Amino acid sequence: MAAMNILINNKTYLAAGRSVAKPAIVDFSLTLNPGEFVCLVGPSGCGKTTLLNIIAGLDQDYDGEILTAKANTSPKIGYVFQNPRLLPWRTVRENIELVLDSQAPARMVDELLEMMQLTSVQHVYPERLSLGMSRRVAIIRAFAVNPDVLLMDEPFVSLDAPTARQVRELLMQLWQRRPHRVLFVTHDLREAIALADKLVFLSASPMTVVREMAVPIARDGRTDEAAIEAFRRQLKSGYPDINGLL
């Protein structure tokens, strides 16, 4: 599998009450390697969700291109939104199966449910799920399509700290068993360090890349909160240009 290159020369939008378009993203360039977990970190309103929508093909009004190994072929997308967006009239399992080909083996869904600790609620309707469970169902549904890139737009927002930590750990277990290229949006630098192979810091609107860097903490050390906090402080003291972005 080849790298995916995201090039956005210019993306504008027409704000309410304005007659002149305002730039949202300019001179943006990012490479996503196979199996790489990338976290986007930037201020609220800088254009992170707009970027994900462009990659997903939901917004095609921009100047640029998404380059994949197969020319003129759109990448297969898995998308985890801030809201789980589960269909209330379908059970947990039915919400997952909805995105699958009719020939998809049932055991694949069984394995995903087991990995995310949801087997016991697979025949339950979304109204009976906690928010944390609903988020886990949305994650399974996105993984189930075997995407070329998995987009995650602050999927743990509104969760209390213990629940967010649990879902984050389950996500990492699932990703390590089924590695996909992931582009994950977060405002939380600690969360980004715990998850990412690579951090991408973004400017305020109009959004562009300010800095990219690898996370040097080994995967088996990502549960060490002291190590995460030490690296966070190192970033804030060593790279003053990112302080205003957090």
Protein backbone atom coordinates (compact mmCIF):
# COMPACT_ATOMS: atom_id res chain seq x y z
CA MET A 1 0.00 0.00 0.00
CA ALA A 2 1.40 3.36 -1.03
CA ALA A 3 1.34 6.67 0.84
CA MET A 4 -1.61 9.03 0.56
CA ASN A 5 -0.74 12.65 -0.21
CA ILE A 6 -3.17 15.41 0.72
CA LEU A 7 -2.60 18.71 -1.09
CA ILE A 8 -4.98 21.61 -0.54
CA ASN A 9 -3.87 24.83 -2.15
CA ASN A 10 -6.93 26.79 -1.13
CA LYS A 11 -10.29 26.21 0.50
CA THR A 12 -12.63 29.15 1.06
CA TYR A 13 -16.08 29.58 2.55
CA LEU A 14 -18.68 32.31 2.51
CA ALA A 15 -19.44 33.34 6.09
CA ALA A 16 -22.94 34.45 7.05
CA GLY A 17 -23.55 38.10 6.23
CA ARG A 18 -20.43 38.38 4.04
CA SER A 19 -20.21 38.81 0.30
CA VAL A 20 -16.52 37.91 0.02
CA ALA A 21 -15.24 34.36 0.54
CA LYS A 22 -12.88 33.84 3.47
CA PRO A 23 -9.90 31.45 3.27
CA ALA A 24 -10.24 28.37 5.51
CA ILE A 25 -7.24 26.25 4.44
CA VAL A 26 -4.17 27.41 2.49
CA ASP A 27 -1.01 25.69 1.24
CA PHE A 28 -1.76 22.51 3.16
CA SER A 29 0.33 19.41 2.50
CA LEU A 30 0.34 16.15 4.45
CA THR A 31 1.53 12.62 3.70
CA LEU A 32 -0.16 9.65 5.39
CA ASN A 33 1.86 6.44 5.28
CA PRO A 34 0.32 2.95 5.38
CA GLY A 35 -0.57 1.86 8.91
CA GLU A 36 0.34 5.28 10.36
CA PHE A 37 -1.65 6.88 13.18
CA VAL A 38 -1.54 10.67 12.75
CA CYS A 39 -3.08 13.17 15.17
CA LEU A 40 -4.06 16.66 14.07
CA VAL A 41 -3.78 19.23 16.87
CA GLY A 42 -4.96 22.81 16.42
CA PRO A 43 -7.18 25.53 17.84
CA SER A 44 -10.95 25.31 17.76
CA GLY A 45 -12.43 26.50 14.48
CA CYS A 46 -9.19 26.27 12.51
CA GLY A 47 -10.65 23.94 9.87
CA LYS A 48 -9.88 20.40 11.06
CA THR A 49 -13.39 19.08 10.40
CA THR A 50 -13.42 20.82 7.02
CA LEU A 51 -10.20 18.99 6.16
CA LEU A 52 -11.68 15.61 7.10
CA ASN A 53 -14.79 16.34 5.03
CA ILE A 54 -12.60 17.14 2.02
CA ILE A 55 -10.67 13.88 2.40
CA ALA A 56 -13.94 11.98 2.78
CA GLY A 57 -15.29 13.51 -0.42
CA LEU A 58 -18.12 15.29 1.43
CA ASP A 59 -16.75 18.70 0.41
CA GLN A 60 -15.42 18.98 -3.14
CA ASP A 61 -15.34 22.76 -3.39
CA TYR A 62 -11.59 23.33 -3.00
CA ASP A 63 -8.40 23.73 -5.01
CA GLY A 64 -6.14 20.73 -4.51
CA GLU A 65 -6.04 16.96 -4.78
CA ILE A 66 -5.94 13.76 -2.76
CA LEU A 67 -3.32 11.51 -4.33
CA THR A 68 -3.50 7.75 -3.85
CA ALA A 69 -1.77 4.77 -5.42
CA LYS A 70 -4.59 4.30 -7.91
CA ALA A 71 -4.99 7.38 -10.10
CA ASN A 72 -8.52 8.76 -10.45
CA THR A 73 -9.74 6.45 -7.69
CA SER A 74 -11.21 7.75 -4.47
CA PRO A 75 -9.90 6.13 -1.29
CA LYS A 76 -12.23 3.96 0.76
CA ILE A 77 -13.12 5.99 3.84
CA GLY A 78 -14.06 5.06 7.39
CA TYR A 79 -15.38 8.08 9.30
CA VAL A 80 -16.00 8.38 13.05
CA PHE A 81 -17.85 11.63 13.69
CA GLN A 82 -18.11 13.55 16.97
CA ASN A 83 -21.68 12.26 17.19
CA PRO A 84 -21.90 8.43 16.88
CA ARG A 85 -24.74 8.73 14.30
CA LEU A 86 -26.23 5.32 15.01
CA LEU A 87 -29.62 4.50 13.49
CA PRO A 88 -32.01 4.23 16.46
CA TRP A 89 -34.27 1.64 14.80
CA ARG A 90 -31.38 -0.80 14.28
CA THR A 91 -29.55 -2.84 16.87
CA VAL A 92 -25.82 -2.50 17.55
CA ARG A 93 -25.05 -5.40 15.24
CA GLU A 94 -27.40 -4.14 12.53
CA ASN A 95 -25.78 -0.70 12.63
CA ILE A 96 -22.44 -2.35 11.91
CA GLU A 97 -23.73 -4.76 9.27
CA LEU A 98 -25.40 -1.87 7.43
CA VAL A 99 -22.05 -0.74 5.98
CA LEU A 100 -20.93 -4.22 4.95
CA ASP A 101 -21.30 -6.22 1.79
CA SER A 102 -23.90 -8.96 2.09
CA GLN A 103 -21.13 -11.52 1.64
CA ALA A 104 -19.09 -10.24 4.60
CA PRO A 105 -18.48 -13.07 7.08
CA ALA A 106 -20.43 -12.85 10.32
CA ARG A 107 -17.33 -13.88 12.26
CA MET A 108 -15.66 -10.58 11.34
CA VAL A 109 -18.42 -8.66 13.13
CA ASP A 110 -18.19 -11.12 16.03
CA GLU A 111 -14.44 -10.46 16.35
CA LEU A 112 -14.87 -6.68 16.25
CA LEU A 113 -17.61 -6.77 18.87
CA GLU A 114 -15.46 -8.95 21.10
CA MET A 115 -12.40 -6.70 20.74
CA MET A 116 -14.44 -3.64 21.72
CA GLN A 117 -16.20 -5.51 24.56
CA LEU A 118 -19.68 -5.13 23.05
CA THR A 119 -20.72 -8.75 22.43
CA SER A 120 -23.24 -8.66 25.28
CA VAL A 121 -25.10 -5.66 23.79
CA GLN A 122 -24.99 -6.59 20.10
CA HIS A 123 -28.79 -6.99 19.93
CA VAL A 124 -29.53 -3.86 21.95
CA TYR A 125 -30.89 -0.65 20.38
CA PRO A 126 -28.78 2.55 20.65
CA GLU A 127 -31.12 4.28 23.11
CA ARG A 128 -30.07 1.75 25.75
CA LEU A 129 -26.34 2.34 25.26
CA SER A 130 -24.11 4.68 27.23
CA LEU A 131 -22.31 7.36 25.22
CA GLY A 132 -19.06 5.43 25.60
CA MET A 133 -20.66 2.29 24.17
CA SER A 134 -22.18 4.25 21.29
CA ARG A 135 -18.75 5.64 20.44
CA ARG A 136 -17.32 2.12 20.42
CA VAL A 137 -20.04 0.97 18.00
CA ALA A 138 -19.19 3.90 15.70
CA ILE A 139 -15.51 2.90 15.80
CA ILE A 140 -16.33 -0.71 14.90
CA ARG A 141 -18.53 0.43 12.02
CA ALA A 142 -15.68 2.54 10.61
CA PHE A 143 -13.11 -0.27 10.94
CA ALA A 144 -15.48 -2.84 9.45
CA VAL A 145 -15.29 -1.39 5.93
CA ASN A 146 -11.51 -2.01 5.88
CA PRO A 147 -10.82 1.61 4.85
CA ASP A 148 -7.81 3.05 3.07
CA VAL A 149 -7.92 5.81 5.66
CA LEU A 150 -9.86 6.05 8.91
CA LEU A 151 -10.96 9.60 9.80
CA MET A 152 -11.75 10.30 13.45
CA ASP A 153 -13.16 13.71 14.43
CA GLU A 154 -12.74 14.08 18.20
CA PRO A 155 -14.48 10.75 18.83
CA PHE A 156 -14.03 10.92 22.61
CA VAL A 157 -15.37 14.44 23.14
CA SER A 158 -17.93 14.73 26.00
CA LEU A 159 -16.76 11.49 27.63
CA ASP A 160 -15.61 11.62 31.24
CA ALA A 161 -11.89 10.97 31.73
CA PRO A 162 -12.13 7.29 32.85
CA THR A 163 -14.49 6.39 29.99
CA ALA A 164 -12.36 8.23 27.44
CA ARG A 165 -9.28 6.37 28.69
CA GLN A 166 -11.07 3.02 28.42
CA VAL A 167 -12.33 3.67 24.87
CA ARG A 168 -8.90 5.00 23.84
CA GLU A 169 -7.21 1.84 25.10
CA LEU A 170 -9.75 -0.36 23.30
CA LEU A 171 -9.23 1.65 20.12
CA MET A 172 -5.48 1.09 20.30
CA GLN A 173 -5.91 -2.64 20.86
CA LEU A 174 -8.20 -2.82 17.82
CA TRP A 175 -5.86 -0.69 15.68
CA GLN A 176 -2.81 -2.77 16.61
CA ARG A 177 -4.62 -5.94 15.57
CA ARG A 178 -6.08 -4.32 12.44
CA PRO A 179 -3.65 -1.53 11.52
CA HIS A 180 -5.11 1.15 9.27
CA ARG A 181 -3.99 4.59 8.23
CA VAL A 182 -5.67 6.90 10.78
CA LEU A 183 -6.16 10.67 10.79
CA PHE A 184 -7.38 11.65 14.25
CA VAL A 185 -8.51 15.14 15.30
CA THR A 186 -8.13 16.21 18.93
CA HIS A 187 -7.70 19.32 21.08
CA ASP A 188 -6.03 17.27 23.81
CA LEU A 189 -2.25 17.08 23.45
CA ARG A 190 -1.98 14.30 26.05
CA GLU A 191 -4.49 12.24 24.07
CA ALA A 192 -2.58 12.90 20.85
CA ILE A 193 0.71 11.78 22.41
CA ALA A 194 -0.94 8.62 23.79
CA LEU A 195 -2.25 7.65 20.35
CA ALA A 196 -0.09 9.01 17.55
CA ASP A 197 2.92 7.90 15.57
CA LYS A 198 3.06 11.46 14.24
CA LEU A 199 1.75 14.78 15.55
CA VAL A 200 0.71 17.50 13.11
CA PHE A 201 0.24 20.96 14.60
CA LEU A 202 -2.10 23.28 12.71
CA SER A 203 -2.40 27.05 12.65
CA ALA A 204 -5.49 29.09 13.34
CA SER A 205 -7.67 29.87 10.32
CA PRO A 206 -6.67 29.94 7.54
CA MET A 207 -5.28 26.55 8.48
CA THR A 208 -1.90 25.26 7.40
CA VAL A 209 0.69 22.89 8.88
CA VAL A 210 2.94 24.59 11.43
CA ARG A 211 4.99 21.60 12.53
CA GLU A 212 5.15 17.80 12.24
CA MET A 213 6.98 15.50 14.65
CA ALA A 214 7.15 11.84 15.60
CA VAL A 215 6.20 10.66 19.09
CA PRO A 216 9.33 9.01 20.55
CA ILE A 217 7.55 7.03 23.31
CA ALA A 218 7.40 3.30 22.56
CA ARG A 219 3.92 1.87 22.08
CA ASP A 220 4.19 -0.24 25.23
CA GLY A 221 4.91 2.94 27.21
CA ARG A 222 1.86 4.91 26.13
CA THR A 223 -0.05 4.06 29.32
CA ASP A 224 2.66 5.76 31.38
CA GLU A 225 1.04 9.10 32.18
CA ALA A 226 4.30 10.48 33.60
CA ALA A 227 6.11 9.80 30.30
CA ILE A 228 3.28 11.42 28.33
CA GLU A 229 3.29 14.48 30.58
CA ALA A 230 7.10 14.77 30.34
CA PHE A 231 6.95 14.77 26.53
CA ARG A 232 4.07 17.27 26.57
CA ARG A 233 6.14 19.66 28.67
CA GLN A 234 9.14 19.09 26.42
CA LEU A 235 7.06 20.08 23.39
CA LYS A 236 5.66 23.20 25.04
CA SER A 237 9.06 24.41 26.23
CA GLY A 238 11.09 23.36 23.21
CA TYR A 239 8.70 24.51 20.49
CA PRO A 240 7.16 27.85 21.54
CA ASP A 241 5.47 28.19 18.14
CA ILE A 242 2.94 25.49 19.09
CA ASN A 243 1.91 26.94 22.46
CA GLY A 244 -0.74 29.20 20.97
CA LEU A 245 -2.22 26.27 19.04
CA LEU A 246 -3.18 24.19 22.08
